[in-house]
Amino acid sequence: MSISNKIRALMKLRGFKNKDLAAAMGYSVQSLNNKMYRDSFTAADLVRIAEALDCSLAFTLPDGEQLRLTPEDLKEGN
């Protein structure tokens, strides 16, 4: 399943439409649609999406430990 399809599934679960997610991210609907079509999201985009959809973005290690990616991780110097 592509990243865009996973995002769409989360949006459906949370009751979000494209316009809602675009507004929460500070993007135009067209800009979000383009990213969805191209399936091209930056780490910052994914963090914003996770925040908007009240989810977390994490890497899960083989031992089950999770490393969460937060907006603070994306600031310069981190």
PDB file of N, CA and C in Angstrom:
ATOM      1  N   MET A   1       0.855  -1.176   0.000  1.00  0.00           N
ATOM      2  CA  MET A   1       0.000   0.000   0.000  1.00  0.00           C
ATOM      3  C   MET A   1       0.901   1.238   0.000  1.00  0.00           C
ATOM      4  N   SER A   2       0.599   2.189  -0.856  1.00  0.00           N
ATOM      5  CA  SER A   2       1.404   3.407  -0.950  1.00  0.00           C
ATOM      6  C   SER A   2       1.179   4.303   0.268  1.00  0.00           C
ATOM      7  N   ILE A   3       2.091   5.239   0.454  1.00  0.00           N
ATOM      8  CA  ILE A   3       1.949   6.207   1.547  1.00  0.00           C
ATOM      9  C   ILE A   3       0.633   6.978   1.390  1.00  0.00           C
ATOM     10  N   SER A   4       0.346   7.404   0.167  1.00  0.00           N
ATOM     11  CA  SER A   4      -0.891   8.160  -0.069  1.00  0.00           C
ATOM     12  C   SER A   4      -2.119   7.344   0.306  1.00  0.00           C
ATOM     13  N   ASN A   5      -2.116   6.069  -0.023  1.00  0.00           N
ATOM     14  CA  ASN A   5      -3.265   5.217   0.321  1.00  0.00           C
ATOM     15  C   ASN A   5      -3.389   5.056   1.832  1.00  0.00           C
ATOM     16  N   LYS A   6      -2.266   4.964   2.518  1.00  0.00           N
ATOM     17  CA  LYS A   6      -2.306   4.863   3.976  1.00  0.00           C
ATOM     18  C   LYS A   6      -2.835   6.152   4.587  1.00  0.00           C
ATOM     19  N   ILE A   7      -2.406   7.280   4.029  1.00  0.00           N
ATOM     20  CA  ILE A   7      -2.900   8.574   4.512  1.00  0.00           C
ATOM     21  C   ILE A   7      -4.402   8.686   4.264  1.00  0.00           C
ATOM     22  N   ARG A   8      -4.845   8.274   3.081  1.00  0.00           N
ATOM     23  CA  ARG A   8      -6.286   8.309   2.776  1.00  0.00           C
ATOM     24  C   ARG A   8      -7.078   7.432   3.756  1.00  0.00           C
ATOM     25  N   ALA A   9      -6.533   6.258   4.086  1.00  0.00           N
ATOM     26  CA  ALA A   9      -7.213   5.368   5.032  1.00  0.00           C
ATOM     27  C   ALA A   9      -7.318   6.027   6.404  1.00  0.00           C
ATOM     28  N   LEU A  10      -6.234   6.672   6.856  1.00  0.00           N
ATOM     29  CA  LEU A  10      -6.273   7.388   8.139  1.00  0.00           C
ATOM     30  C   LEU A  10      -7.265   8.546   8.091  1.00  0.00           C
ATOM     31  N   MET A  11      -7.278   9.259   6.956  1.00  0.00           N
ATOM     32  CA  MET A  11      -8.222  10.363   6.807  1.00  0.00           C
ATOM     33  C   MET A  11      -9.663   9.861   6.937  1.00  0.00           C
ATOM     34  N   LYS A  12      -9.941   8.727   6.309  1.00  0.00           N
ATOM     35  CA  LYS A  12     -11.295   8.178   6.372  1.00  0.00           C
ATOM     36  C   LYS A  12     -11.652   7.801   7.809  1.00  0.00           C
ATOM     37  N   LEU A  13     -10.716   7.164   8.505  1.00  0.00           N
ATOM     38  CA  LEU A  13     -10.962   6.796   9.901  1.00  0.00           C
ATOM     39  C   LEU A  13     -11.222   8.007  10.785  1.00  0.00           C
ATOM     40  N   ARG A  14     -10.540   9.120  10.493  1.00  0.00           N
ATOM     41  CA  ARG A  14     -10.659  10.332  11.303  1.00  0.00           C
ATOM     42  C   ARG A  14     -11.733  11.289  10.801  1.00  0.00           C
ATOM     43  N   GLY A  15     -12.372  10.945   9.685  1.00  0.00           N
ATOM     44  CA  GLY A  15     -13.430  11.801   9.148  1.00  0.00           C
ATOM     45  C   GLY A  15     -12.920  13.055   8.470  1.00  0.00           C
ATOM     46  N   PHE A  16     -11.710  12.996   7.925  1.00  0.00           N
ATOM     47  CA  PHE A  16     -11.103  14.139   7.246  1.00  0.00           C
ATOM     48  C   PHE A  16     -11.326  14.054   5.747  1.00  0.00           C
ATOM     49  N   LYS A  17     -11.557  15.184   5.139  1.00  0.00           N
ATOM     50  CA  LYS A  17     -11.580  15.312   3.682  1.00  0.00           C
ATOM     51  C   LYS A  17     -10.269  15.986   3.272  1.00  0.00           C
ATOM     52  N   ASN A  18      -9.956  15.953   1.983  1.00  0.00           N
ATOM     53  CA  ASN A  18      -8.723  16.578   1.509  1.00  0.00           C
ATOM     54  C   ASN A  18      -8.637  18.036   1.932  1.00  0.00           C
ATOM     55  N   LYS A  19      -9.752  18.744   1.856  1.00  0.00           N
ATOM     56  CA  LYS A  19      -9.734  20.164   2.208  1.00  0.00           C
ATOM     57  C   LYS A  19      -9.406  20.352   3.692  1.00  0.00           C
ATOM     58  N   ASP A  20      -9.871  19.430   4.535  1.00  0.00           N
ATOM     59  CA  ASP A  20      -9.594  19.526   5.975  1.00  0.00           C
ATOM     60  C   ASP A  20      -8.105  19.316   6.259  1.00  0.00           C
ATOM     61  N   LEU A  21      -7.539  18.290   5.640  1.00  0.00           N
ATOM     62  CA  LEU A  21      -6.117  18.004   5.856  1.00  0.00           C
ATOM     63  C   LEU A  21      -5.255  19.113   5.270  1.00  0.00           C
ATOM     64  N   ALA A  22      -5.609  19.586   4.083  1.00  0.00           N
ATOM     65  CA  ALA A  22      -4.850  20.673   3.466  1.00  0.00           C
ATOM     66  C   ALA A  22      -4.845  21.901   4.372  1.00  0.00           C
ATOM     67  N   ALA A  23      -5.987  22.254   4.916  1.00  0.00           N
ATOM     68  CA  ALA A  23      -6.076  23.419   5.809  1.00  0.00           C
ATOM     69  C   ALA A  23      -5.231  23.207   7.060  1.00  0.00           C
ATOM     70  N   ALA A  24      -5.277  22.004   7.632  1.00  0.00           N
ATOM     71  CA  ALA A  24      -4.503  21.717   8.842  1.00  0.00           C
ATOM     72  C   ALA A  24      -3.003  21.791   8.579  1.00  0.00           C
ATOM     73  N   MET A  25      -2.596  21.500   7.354  1.00  0.00           N
ATOM     74  CA  MET A  25      -1.172  21.514   6.999  1.00  0.00           C
ATOM     75  C   MET A  25      -0.717  22.871   6.476  1.00  0.00           C
ATOM     76  N   GLY A  26      -1.663  23.769   6.211  1.00  0.00           N
ATOM     77  CA  GLY A  26      -1.315  25.065   5.647  1.00  0.00           C
ATOM     78  C   GLY A  26      -1.053  25.002   4.154  1.00  0.00           C
ATOM     79  N   TYR A  27      -1.632  24.013   3.475  1.00  0.00           N
ATOM     80  CA  TYR A  27      -1.466  23.827   2.031  1.00  0.00           C
ATOM     81  C   TYR A  27      -2.775  24.132   1.328  1.00  0.00           C
ATOM     82  N   SER A  28      -2.688  24.399   0.040  1.00  0.00           N
ATOM     83  CA  SER A  28      -3.899  24.471  -0.769  1.00  0.00           C
ATOM     84  C   SER A  28      -4.348  23.034  -1.039  1.00  0.00           C
ATOM     85  N   VAL A  29      -5.613  22.876  -1.365  1.00  0.00           N
ATOM     86  CA  VAL A  29      -6.120  21.542  -1.695  1.00  0.00           C
ATOM     87  C   VAL A  29      -5.369  20.995  -2.900  1.00  0.00           C
ATOM     88  N   GLN A  30      -5.106  21.853  -3.883  1.00  0.00           N
ATOM     89  CA  GLN A  30      -4.401  21.412  -5.087  1.00  0.00           C
ATOM     90  C   GLN A  30      -2.992  20.924  -4.755  1.00  0.00           C
ATOM     91  N   SER A  31      -2.300  21.620  -3.874  1.00  0.00           N
ATOM     92  CA  SER A  31      -0.960  21.214  -3.475  1.00  0.00           C
ATOM     93  C   SER A  31      -0.986  19.839  -2.799  1.00  0.00           C
ATOM     94  N   LEU A  32      -1.944  19.638  -1.887  1.00  0.00           N
ATOM     95  CA  LEU A  32      -2.070  18.338  -1.232  1.00  0.00           C
ATOM     96  C   LEU A  32      -2.424  17.261  -2.251  1.00  0.00           C
ATOM     97  N   ASN A  33      -3.347  17.561  -3.154  1.00  0.00           N
ATOM     98  CA  ASN A  33      -3.723  16.585  -4.186  1.00  0.00           C
ATOM     99  C   ASN A  33      -2.519  16.193  -5.034  1.00  0.00           C
ATOM    100  N   ASN A  34      -1.679  17.167  -5.369  1.00  0.00           N
ATOM    101  CA  ASN A  34      -0.473  16.871  -6.150  1.00  0.00           C
ATOM    102  C   ASN A  34       0.462  15.940  -5.386  1.00  0.00           C
ATOM    103  N   LYS A  35       0.653  16.208  -4.101  1.00  0.00           N
ATOM    104  CA  LYS A  35       1.513  15.343  -3.287  1.00  0.00           C
ATOM    105  C   LYS A  35       0.927  13.936  -3.197  1.00  0.00           C
ATOM    106  N   MET A  36      -0.397  13.845  -3.055  1.00  0.00           N
ATOM    107  CA  MET A  36      -1.053  12.539  -3.000  1.00  0.00           C
ATOM    108  C   MET A  36      -0.885  11.801  -4.332  1.00  0.00           C
ATOM    109  N   TYR A  37      -1.080  12.512  -5.424  1.00  0.00           N
ATOM    110  CA  TYR A  37      -0.974  11.891  -6.755  1.00  0.00           C
ATOM    111  C   TYR A  37       0.443  11.379  -7.000  1.00  0.00           C
ATOM    112  N   ARG A  38       1.439  12.197  -6.648  1.00  0.00           N
ATOM    113  CA  ARG A  38       2.843  11.823  -6.869  1.00  0.00           C
ATOM    114  C   ARG A  38       3.369  10.911  -5.767  1.00  0.00           C
ATOM    115  N   ASP A  39       2.619  10.802  -4.675  1.00  0.00           N
ATOM    116  CA  ASP A  39       3.056  10.019  -3.517  1.00  0.00           C
ATOM    117  C   ASP A  39       4.422  10.520  -3.044  1.00  0.00           C
ATOM    118  N   SER A  40       4.515  11.853  -2.947  1.00  0.00           N
ATOM    119  CA  SER A  40       5.800  12.459  -2.578  1.00  0.00           C
ATOM    120  C   SER A  40       5.622  13.384  -1.377  1.00  0.00           C
ATOM    121  N   PHE A  41       5.999  12.863  -0.221  1.00  0.00           N
ATOM    122  CA  PHE A  41       5.877  13.601   1.025  1.00  0.00           C
ATOM    123  C   PHE A  41       7.239  13.709   1.683  1.00  0.00           C
ATOM    124  N   THR A  42       7.535  14.877   2.224  1.00  0.00           N
ATOM    125  CA  THR A  42       8.760  15.046   2.992  1.00  0.00           C
ATOM    126  C   THR A  42       8.507  14.552   4.415  1.00  0.00           C
ATOM    127  N   ALA A  43       9.572  14.431   5.181  1.00  0.00           N
ATOM    128  CA  ALA A  43       9.419  14.055   6.592  1.00  0.00           C
ATOM    129  C   ALA A  43       8.557  15.090   7.305  1.00  0.00           C
ATOM    130  N   ALA A  44       8.764  16.360   6.995  1.00  0.00           N
ATOM    131  CA  ALA A  44       7.974  17.429   7.619  1.00  0.00           C
ATOM    132  C   ALA A  44       6.492  17.288   7.257  1.00  0.00           C
ATOM    133  N   ASP A  45       6.196  16.936   6.005  1.00  0.00           N
ATOM    134  CA  ASP A  45       4.803  16.709   5.602  1.00  0.00           C
ATOM    135  C   ASP A  45       4.184  15.597   6.439  1.00  0.00           C
ATOM    136  N   LEU A  46       4.920  14.499   6.589  1.00  0.00           N
ATOM    137  CA  LEU A  46       4.389  13.351   7.326  1.00  0.00           C
ATOM    138  C   LEU A  46       4.154  13.673   8.793  1.00  0.00           C
ATOM    139  N   VAL A  47       5.031  14.476   9.370  1.00  0.00           N
ATOM    140  CA  VAL A  47       4.838  14.895  10.770  1.00  0.00           C
ATOM    141  C   VAL A  47       3.593  15.764  10.875  1.00  0.00           C
ATOM    142  N   ARG A  48       3.404  16.695   9.940  1.00  0.00           N
ATOM    143  CA  ARG A  48       2.210  17.554   9.954  1.00  0.00           C
ATOM    144  C   ARG A  48       0.940  16.731   9.792  1.00  0.00           C
ATOM    145  N   ILE A  49       0.999  15.750   8.901  1.00  0.00           N
ATOM    146  CA  ILE A  49      -0.160  14.885   8.674  1.00  0.00           C
ATOM    147  C   ILE A  49      -0.481  14.109   9.945  1.00  0.00           C
ATOM    148  N   ALA A  50       0.532  13.546  10.568  1.00  0.00           N
ATOM    149  CA  ALA A  50       0.331  12.792  11.811  1.00  0.00           C
ATOM    150  C   ALA A  50      -0.294  13.678  12.888  1.00  0.00           C
ATOM    151  N   GLU A  51       0.208  14.889  13.006  1.00  0.00           N
ATOM    152  CA  GLU A  51      -0.357  15.817  13.999  1.00  0.00           C
ATOM    153  C   GLU A  51      -1.811  16.133  13.685  1.00  0.00           C
ATOM    154  N   ALA A  52      -2.094  16.433  12.416  1.00  0.00           N
ATOM    155  CA  ALA A  52      -3.456  16.795  12.019  1.00  0.00           C
ATOM    156  C   ALA A  52      -4.432  15.651  12.252  1.00  0.00           C
ATOM    157  N   LEU A  53      -3.969  14.422  12.030  1.00  0.00           N
ATOM    158  CA  LEU A  53      -4.839  13.250  12.163  1.00  0.00           C
ATOM    159  C   LEU A  53      -4.767  12.617  13.553  1.00  0.00           C
ATOM    160  N   ASP A  54      -4.093  13.318  14.477  1.00  0.00           N
ATOM    161  CA  ASP A  54      -3.959  12.859  15.860  1.00  0.00           C
ATOM    162  C   ASP A  54      -3.351  11.457  15.926  1.00  0.00           C
ATOM    163  N   CYS A  55      -2.239  11.303  15.200  1.00  0.00           N
ATOM    164  CA  CYS A  55      -1.487  10.051  15.156  1.00  0.00           C
ATOM    165  C   CYS A  55      -0.039  10.361  15.492  1.00  0.00           C
ATOM    166  N   SER A  56       0.770   9.324  15.579  1.00  0.00           N
ATOM    167  CA  SER A  56       2.202   9.544  15.739  1.00  0.00           C
ATOM    168  C   SER A  56       2.928   8.910  14.565  1.00  0.00           C
ATOM    169  N   LEU A  57       4.082   9.437  14.268  1.00  0.00           N
ATOM    170  CA  LEU A  57       4.926   8.910  13.200  1.00  0.00           C
ATOM    171  C   LEU A  57       6.127   8.282  13.888  1.00  0.00           C
ATOM    172  N   ALA A  58       6.317   6.979  13.694  1.00  0.00           N
ATOM    173  CA  ALA A  58       7.369   6.290  14.437  1.00  0.00           C
ATOM    174  C   ALA A  58       8.019   5.208  13.588  1.00  0.00           C
ATOM    175  N   PHE A  59       9.273   4.948  13.903  1.00  0.00           N
ATOM    176  CA  PHE A  59      10.008   3.812  13.359  1.00  0.00           C
ATOM    177  C   PHE A  59       9.975   2.733  14.438  1.00  0.00           C
ATOM    178  N   THR A  60       9.612   1.518  14.073  1.00  0.00           N
ATOM    179  CA  THR A  60       9.583   0.422  15.031  1.00  0.00           C
ATOM    180  C   THR A  60      10.771  -0.493  14.776  1.00  0.00           C
ATOM    181  N   LEU A  61      11.592  -0.660  15.797  1.00  0.00           N
ATOM    182  CA  LEU A  61      12.775  -1.502  15.708  1.00  0.00           C
ATOM    183  C   LEU A  61      12.388  -2.971  15.896  1.00  0.00           C
ATOM    184  N   PRO A  62      13.256  -3.898  15.476  1.00  0.00           N
ATOM    185  CA  PRO A  62      12.935  -5.320  15.610  1.00  0.00           C
ATOM    186  C   PRO A  62      12.574  -5.750  17.037  1.00  0.00           C
ATOM    187  N   ASP A  63      13.136  -5.082  18.027  1.00  0.00           N
ATOM    188  CA  ASP A  63      12.829  -5.454  19.422  1.00  0.00           C
ATOM    189  C   ASP A  63      11.533  -4.819  19.928  1.00  0.00           C
ATOM    190  N   GLY A  64      10.832  -4.085  19.051  1.00  0.00           N
ATOM    191  CA  GLY A  64       9.571  -3.454  19.417  1.00  0.00           C
ATOM    192  C   GLY A  64       9.693  -2.014  19.893  1.00  0.00           C
ATOM    193  N   GLU A  65      10.924  -1.563  20.155  1.00  0.00           N
ATOM    194  CA  GLU A  65      11.116  -0.170  20.575  1.00  0.00           C
ATOM    195  C   GLU A  65      10.708   0.755  19.435  1.00  0.00           C
ATOM    196  N   GLN A  66      10.082   1.866  19.795  1.00  0.00           N
ATOM    197  CA  GLN A  66       9.654   2.831  18.793  1.00  0.00           C
ATOM    198  C   GLN A  66      10.401   4.142  18.949  1.00  0.00           C
ATOM    199  N   LEU A  67      10.841   4.667  17.816  1.00  0.00           N
ATOM    200  CA  LEU A  67      11.462   5.987  17.772  1.00  0.00           C
ATOM    201  C   LEU A  67      10.479   6.910  17.067  1.00  0.00           C
ATOM    202  N   ARG A  68       9.928   7.855  17.825  1.00  0.00           N
ATOM    203  CA  ARG A  68       8.917   8.764  17.276  1.00  0.00           C
ATOM    204  C   ARG A  68       9.567   9.985  16.641  1.00  0.00           C
ATOM    205  N   LEU A  69       9.002  10.406  15.522  1.00  0.00           N
ATOM    206  CA  LEU A  69       9.442  11.604  14.825  1.00  0.00           C
ATOM    207  C   LEU A  69       8.454  12.705  15.164  1.00  0.00           C
ATOM    208  N   THR A  70       8.958  13.805  15.714  1.00  0.00           N
ATOM    209  CA  THR A  70       8.114  14.916  16.151  1.00  0.00           C
ATOM    210  C   THR A  70       8.545  16.193  15.431  1.00  0.00           C
ATOM    211  N   PRO A  71       7.730  17.246  15.511  1.00  0.00           N
ATOM    212  CA  PRO A  71       8.124  18.514  14.880  1.00  0.00           C
ATOM    213  C   PRO A  71       9.464  19.038  15.409  1.00  0.00           C
ATOM    214  N   GLU A  72       9.757  18.804  16.663  1.00  0.00           N
ATOM    215  CA  GLU A  72      11.030  19.276  17.233  1.00  0.00           C
ATOM    216  C   GLU A  72      12.220  18.585  16.561  1.00  0.00           C
ATOM    217  N   ASP A  73      12.042  17.350  16.112  1.00  0.00           N
ATOM    218  CA  ASP A  73      13.115  16.622  15.441  1.00  0.00           C
ATOM    219  C   ASP A  73      13.482  17.238  14.095  1.00  0.00           C
ATOM    220  N   LEU A  74      12.566  18.004  13.539  1.00  0.00           N
ATOM    221  CA  LEU A  74      12.772  18.558  12.203  1.00  0.00           C
ATOM    222  C   LEU A  74      13.331  19.974  12.221  1.00  0.00           C
ATOM    223  N   LYS A  75      13.448  20.549  13.412  1.00  0.00           N
ATOM    224  CA  LYS A  75      13.983  21.915  13.512  1.00  0.00           C
ATOM    225  C   LYS A  75      15.472  21.908  13.222  1.00  0.00           C
ATOM    226  N   GLU A  76      15.952  23.025  12.692  1.00  0.00           N
ATOM    227  CA  GLU A  76      17.388  23.153  12.387  1.00  0.00           C
ATOM    228  C   GLU A  76      18.228  22.897  13.617  1.00  0.00           C
ATOM    229  N   GLY A  77      19.325  22.174  13.401  1.00  0.00           N
ATOM    230  CA  GLY A  77      20.259  21.925  14.481  1.00  0.00           C
ATOM    231  C   GLY A  77      19.965  20.662  15.261  1.00  0.00           C
ATOM    232  N   ASN A  78      18.874  19.978  14.962  1.00  0.00           N
ATOM    233  CA  ASN A  78      18.540  18.727  15.665  1.00  0.00           C
ATOM    234  C   ASN A  78      18.946  17.537  14.851  1.00  0.00           C
TER     235      ASN A  78
END
